[in-house]
């Protein structure tokens, strides 16, 4: 099997040390096995994506000494593919329209006991099912989000939900990981698969893109370990292969907080301007 990894940043700000760690790890894993390293630009949020940031991503990766195989995939070019998958799920009755706001969800989640903390999943408060209902097969409203009916999706499963962890989850998980369908229903809930005015969501896009690019090893931070359960579910109901997953540690600041794009002081471009070498960057992030 030829190993294929990928680095999939969003062009919404500068790459920082955490991005450097993720990109170098995926690149070196592929190159060590004489495999493929691919670049994907996750620009589905066109309100925040900027061409200048995408150009800088390429410059920073080249400066780090990383090269990728084949053309760059951009999610903004793949809306028809996402639409086809959503139509499939809609016709099967596995997704439904949702017009709830974040405030609506919070209020509905805590309604039985005012002030109570609603259960929280990978996407925040677990959706209480306010809009969950069967539809008549007509096209969904253009101003509505589309949610997965998790309970109904679970009922369609014919194989166990599982994936192989080659890295390390937040609780030191390694090896074959089994996913409890009941956990998905109660603790993850009806996740959004298409956001308003976006045509897709992170969960749907990443699953379809990994399949299209034939990614065999998904490398990403262990903060996304819980989201992997959603992705394995989507792979099953869409008939897609499940890659191996390699969750890795996060790069944190001096206070133990994970880095974010707002941490401009740790941007790769800043280190470049200060004369730091790529070799020093590798040393700084433990590679």
Protein backbone atom coordinates (compact mmCIF):
# COMPACT_ATOMS: atom_id res chain seq x y z
CA UNK A 1 0.00 0.00 0.00
CA UNK A 2 1.32 3.44 -0.94
CA UNK A 3 1.04 5.79 2.02
CA UNK A 4 -0.76 9.06 1.30
CA UNK A 5 -0.92 11.88 3.83
CA UNK A 6 -2.12 15.45 3.55
CA UNK A 7 -1.90 18.88 5.13
CA UNK A 8 -5.16 20.81 4.95
CA UNK A 9 -4.93 24.38 6.28
CA UNK A 10 -7.57 27.10 6.01
CA UNK A 11 -6.42 30.33 4.30
CA UNK A 12 -7.81 32.51 7.07
CA UNK A 13 -4.59 33.62 8.75
CA UNK A 14 -0.87 32.91 9.05
CA UNK A 15 0.58 29.47 9.69
CA UNK A 16 2.04 29.12 13.19
CA UNK A 17 4.28 26.59 14.91
CA UNK A 18 1.37 24.19 15.39
CA UNK A 19 0.76 24.17 11.65
CA UNK A 20 4.47 23.61 11.04
CA UNK A 21 4.42 20.57 13.31
CA UNK A 22 1.35 19.09 11.59
CA UNK A 23 2.67 19.73 8.09
CA UNK A 24 6.19 18.43 8.74
CA UNK A 25 4.88 15.33 10.53
CA UNK A 26 2.58 14.41 7.62
CA UNK A 27 5.26 15.23 5.06
CA UNK A 28 8.00 13.22 6.76
CA UNK A 29 5.71 10.24 7.36
CA UNK A 30 4.92 10.04 3.65
CA UNK A 31 8.45 10.64 2.45
CA UNK A 32 9.92 8.04 4.86
CA UNK A 33 7.63 5.44 3.25
CA UNK A 34 8.20 6.78 -0.29
CA UNK A 35 4.57 7.76 -0.34
CA UNK A 36 2.54 10.82 -1.34
CA UNK A 37 2.14 14.08 0.57
CA UNK A 38 -0.77 16.20 -0.64
CA UNK A 39 -1.84 19.78 0.03
CA UNK A 40 -5.50 20.72 0.40
CA UNK A 41 -6.82 24.23 1.01
CA UNK A 42 -9.93 24.16 3.21
CA UNK A 43 -11.56 27.36 2.00
CA UNK A 44 -15.25 26.55 2.30
CA UNK A 45 -15.68 29.63 4.52
CA UNK A 46 -15.37 32.19 1.76
CA UNK A 47 -16.22 35.03 4.14
CA UNK A 48 -12.86 34.54 5.85
CA UNK A 49 -10.64 32.91 3.20
CA UNK A 50 -8.17 35.21 1.47
CA UNK A 51 -5.93 34.56 -1.58
CA UNK A 52 -3.07 36.34 0.17
CA UNK A 53 -3.19 33.88 3.05
CA UNK A 54 -3.21 30.94 0.64
CA UNK A 55 -0.18 32.34 -1.16
CA UNK A 56 1.64 32.72 2.15
CA UNK A 57 0.80 29.12 3.10
CA UNK A 58 2.62 27.94 -0.02
CA UNK A 59 5.58 30.24 0.68
CA UNK A 60 5.87 29.07 4.30
CA UNK A 61 5.70 25.38 3.37
CA UNK A 62 8.36 25.78 0.69
CA UNK A 63 10.56 27.68 3.15
CA UNK A 64 10.19 24.78 5.60
CA UNK A 65 11.50 22.50 2.87
CA UNK A 66 8.23 20.74 2.18
CA UNK A 67 7.04 19.71 -1.27
CA UNK A 68 3.73 18.14 -2.21
CA UNK A 69 2.60 15.81 -4.97
CA UNK A 70 0.11 16.73 -7.64
CA UNK A 71 -2.10 19.81 -7.82
CA UNK A 72 -3.49 21.57 -4.76
CA UNK A 73 -7.09 20.65 -3.96
CA UNK A 74 -9.38 23.53 -2.97
CA UNK A 75 -12.67 22.85 -1.26
CA UNK A 76 -14.26 25.83 -2.98
CA UNK A 77 -13.91 23.88 -6.25
CA UNK A 78 -15.72 20.85 -4.86
CA UNK A 79 -19.18 22.16 -4.02
CA UNK A 80 -20.83 19.92 -6.68
CA UNK A 81 -19.34 16.82 -5.02
CA UNK A 82 -20.62 17.91 -1.62
CA UNK A 83 -24.02 18.62 -3.12
CA UNK A 84 -24.21 15.14 -4.64
CA UNK A 85 -23.46 13.52 -1.27
CA UNK A 86 -26.05 15.69 0.47
CA UNK A 87 -28.66 14.78 -2.15
CA UNK A 88 -27.91 11.11 -1.50
CA UNK A 89 -28.41 11.53 2.24
CA UNK A 90 -31.52 13.68 1.74
CA UNK A 91 -33.18 11.11 -0.50
CA UNK A 92 -32.44 8.42 2.08
CA UNK A 93 -34.05 10.49 4.82
CA UNK A 94 -30.81 10.77 6.81
CA UNK A 95 -30.60 14.57 6.94
CA UNK A 96 -33.11 17.28 7.69
CA UNK A 97 -33.45 21.06 7.61
CA UNK A 98 -32.56 23.11 10.66
CA UNK A 99 -33.21 26.83 11.12
CA UNK A 100 -32.05 27.05 14.75
CA UNK A 101 -29.54 29.66 15.85
CA UNK A 102 -26.81 28.97 18.40
CA UNK A 103 -28.93 30.78 20.98
CA UNK A 104 -31.97 28.65 20.10
CA UNK A 105 -29.92 25.51 20.70
CA UNK A 106 -28.58 26.67 24.04
CA UNK A 107 -32.02 27.69 25.27
CA UNK A 108 -33.66 24.45 24.10
CA UNK A 109 -30.89 22.30 25.54
CA UNK A 110 -31.25 23.76 29.01
CA UNK A 111 -35.04 24.27 28.89
CA UNK A 112 -36.01 21.37 31.25
CA UNK A 113 -33.79 22.77 33.98
CA UNK A 114 -33.05 26.44 33.56
CA UNK A 115 -29.38 27.13 34.17
CA UNK A 116 -28.36 23.52 33.65
CA UNK A 117 -25.33 22.87 31.46
CA UNK A 118 -26.38 21.04 28.26
CA UNK A 119 -24.34 18.01 27.16
CA UNK A 120 -21.42 19.01 24.95
CA UNK A 121 -20.09 17.10 21.95
CA UNK A 122 -17.35 17.75 19.38
CA UNK A 123 -19.37 20.61 17.86
CA UNK A 124 -20.48 22.19 21.12
CA UNK A 125 -23.87 21.68 22.82
CA UNK A 126 -25.56 18.50 21.60
CA UNK A 127 -28.44 19.47 19.35
CA UNK A 128 -31.76 18.85 21.15
CA UNK A 129 -33.64 17.85 17.99
CA UNK A 130 -35.87 20.92 17.72
CA UNK A 131 -36.14 20.75 13.91
CA UNK A 132 -35.83 16.98 13.55
CA UNK A 133 -38.66 15.68 11.40
CA UNK A 134 -39.31 13.65 8.25
CA UNK A 135 -39.43 15.59 5.02
CA UNK A 136 -41.57 15.02 1.94
CA UNK A 137 -38.66 14.64 -0.48
CA UNK A 138 -38.85 18.19 -1.82
CA UNK A 139 -35.67 20.25 -2.02
CA UNK A 140 -34.44 21.70 1.30
CA UNK A 141 -34.84 25.40 1.98
CA UNK A 142 -31.84 27.44 0.78
CA UNK A 143 -31.53 29.35 4.08
CA UNK A 144 -31.52 26.26 6.31
CA UNK A 145 -28.67 24.18 7.63
CA UNK A 146 -28.76 20.42 7.04
CA UNK A 147 -28.25 18.08 9.99
CA UNK A 148 -27.54 14.38 10.13
CA UNK A 149 -30.26 12.37 11.86
CA UNK A 150 -27.75 10.44 13.96
CA UNK A 151 -30.22 7.92 15.39
CA UNK A 152 -31.54 7.06 11.94
CA UNK A 153 -28.01 6.87 10.53
CA UNK A 154 -27.01 4.47 13.29
CA UNK A 155 -29.95 2.24 12.38
CA UNK A 156 -28.62 1.85 8.84
CA UNK A 157 -25.22 0.48 9.93
CA UNK A 158 -24.33 -3.03 8.84
CA UNK A 159 -20.73 -3.14 10.08
CA UNK A 160 -19.06 -2.21 13.38
CA UNK A 161 -17.88 1.37 13.67
CA UNK A 162 -14.14 1.26 14.21
CA UNK A 163 -10.84 2.76 13.11
CA UNK A 164 -7.16 2.14 13.74
CA UNK A 165 -5.23 4.72 15.75
CA UNK A 166 -1.52 4.79 14.89
CA UNK A 167 -0.74 7.90 16.90
CA UNK A 168 -2.16 8.72 20.28
CA UNK A 169 -5.59 9.92 21.39
CA UNK A 170 -6.16 12.29 24.33
CA UNK A 171 -6.30 9.32 26.70
CA UNK A 172 -3.33 7.50 25.15
CA UNK A 173 -5.58 5.46 22.84
CA UNK A 174 -3.73 3.31 20.30
CA UNK A 175 -4.62 0.43 18.02
CA UNK A 176 -8.12 -0.58 17.00
CA UNK A 177 -10.76 1.83 18.33
CA UNK A 178 -14.42 0.80 18.58
CA UNK A 179 -17.10 3.46 18.41
CA UNK A 180 -20.30 3.02 20.41
CA UNK A 181 -23.29 4.00 18.22
CA UNK A 182 -25.29 4.86 21.33
CA UNK A 183 -22.57 7.35 22.28
CA UNK A 184 -22.91 9.02 18.90
CA UNK A 185 -26.63 9.46 19.40
CA UNK A 186 -26.55 10.74 22.98
CA UNK A 187 -23.20 12.55 23.23
CA UNK A 188 -22.53 13.73 19.67
CA UNK A 189 -26.01 14.21 18.29
CA UNK A 190 -27.26 15.53 14.97
CA UNK A 191 -24.20 17.31 13.59
CA UNK A 192 -24.44 19.88 10.81
CA UNK A 193 -23.42 18.58 7.37
CA UNK A 194 -24.21 21.75 5.43
CA UNK A 195 -24.13 25.22 6.92
CA UNK A 196 -26.21 28.13 5.72
CA UNK A 197 -24.77 29.79 2.61
CA UNK A 198 -21.78 27.44 2.62
CA UNK A 199 -23.03 24.28 0.88
CA UNK A 200 -21.18 21.91 3.18
CA UNK A 201 -19.47 21.65 6.57
CA UNK A 202 -16.08 20.59 7.85
CA UNK A 203 -17.30 17.08 8.70
CA UNK A 204 -18.75 16.32 5.28
CA UNK A 205 -16.04 18.04 3.26
CA UNK A 206 -13.10 16.42 5.02
CA UNK A 207 -14.55 12.93 4.63
CA UNK A 208 -15.27 13.34 0.92
CA UNK A 209 -11.95 15.06 0.24
CA UNK A 210 -9.90 12.38 2.01
CA UNK A 211 -11.65 9.72 -0.06
CA UNK A 212 -11.15 11.61 -3.32
CA UNK A 213 -7.46 12.17 -2.61
CA UNK A 214 -7.09 8.52 -1.52
CA UNK A 215 -5.62 9.50 1.83
CA UNK A 216 -4.45 6.40 3.70
CA UNK A 217 -3.17 8.09 6.88
CA UNK A 218 -4.97 11.10 8.34
CA UNK A 219 -2.61 13.03 10.61
CA UNK A 220 -4.08 15.70 12.89
CA UNK A 221 -4.13 16.97 16.46
CA UNK A 222 -5.63 14.82 19.17
CA UNK A 223 -8.15 17.60 19.86
CA UNK A 224 -9.97 16.17 16.81
CA UNK A 225 -10.08 12.62 18.18
CA UNK A 226 -13.80 12.89 19.02
CA UNK A 227 -14.57 14.28 15.57
CA UNK A 228 -12.99 11.17 14.05
CA UNK A 229 -15.97 9.19 15.33
CA UNK A 230 -18.28 11.38 13.26
CA UNK A 231 -16.10 10.92 10.21
CA UNK A 232 -16.03 7.14 10.50
CA UNK A 233 -19.83 7.18 10.72
CA UNK A 234 -20.06 9.30 7.57
CA UNK A 235 -17.62 7.04 5.75
CA UNK A 236 -19.84 4.06 6.45
CA UNK A 237 -23.12 5.60 5.40
CA UNK A 238 -21.53 7.08 2.25
CA UNK A 239 -19.75 3.86 1.33
CA UNK A 240 -16.25 5.36 1.66
CA UNK A 241 -13.07 3.71 2.94
CA UNK A 242 -11.82 4.48 6.44
CA UNK A 243 -8.16 5.52 6.51
CA UNK A 244 -5.78 5.01 9.42
CA UNK A 245 -5.75 7.91 11.86
CA UNK A 246 -2.65 9.34 13.48
CA UNK A 247 -3.58 11.88 16.14
CA UNK A 248 -0.61 13.85 17.39
CA UNK A 249 0.24 16.15 20.26
CA UNK A 250 -0.51 19.87 20.11
CA UNK A 251 2.04 22.66 20.16
CA UNK A 252 1.29 24.94 23.11
CA UNK A 253 2.51 28.26 24.43
CA UNK A 254 4.32 28.87 27.71
CA UNK A 255 0.99 28.83 29.59
CA UNK A 256 0.00 25.45 28.15
CA UNK A 257 -2.58 26.92 25.77
CA UNK A 258 -2.77 25.55 22.24
CA UNK A 259 -1.66 27.95 19.53
CA UNK A 260 -4.20 29.72 17.33
CA UNK A 261 -3.94 31.93 14.25
CA UNK A 262 -4.35 34.99 16.45
CA UNK A 263 -0.93 34.16 17.92
CA UNK A 264 0.84 36.22 15.26
CA UNK A 265 4.02 36.35 17.35
CA UNK A 266 4.45 32.64 16.61
CA UNK A 267 3.66 32.92 12.90
CA UNK A 268 6.12 31.15 10.61
CA UNK A 269 6.53 34.35 8.61
CA UNK A 270 7.64 36.18 11.76
CA UNK A 271 10.30 33.59 12.49
CA UNK A 272 11.45 33.84 8.88
CA UNK A 273 11.75 37.61 9.14
CA UNK A 274 13.76 37.24 12.36
CA UNK A 275 16.29 35.00 10.65
CA UNK A 276 15.26 31.71 12.26
CA UNK A 277 16.15 28.72 10.06
CA UNK A 278 13.85 25.82 9.09
CA UNK A 279 16.17 23.51 11.03
CA UNK A 280 15.65 25.66 14.13
CA UNK A 281 11.87 25.48 13.64
CA UNK A 282 12.09 21.68 13.63
CA UNK A 283 14.09 21.82 16.83
CA UNK A 284 11.61 24.21 18.47
CA UNK A 285 8.67 21.87 17.80
CA UNK A 286 10.48 18.69 18.77
CA UNK A 287 11.10 17.27 15.31
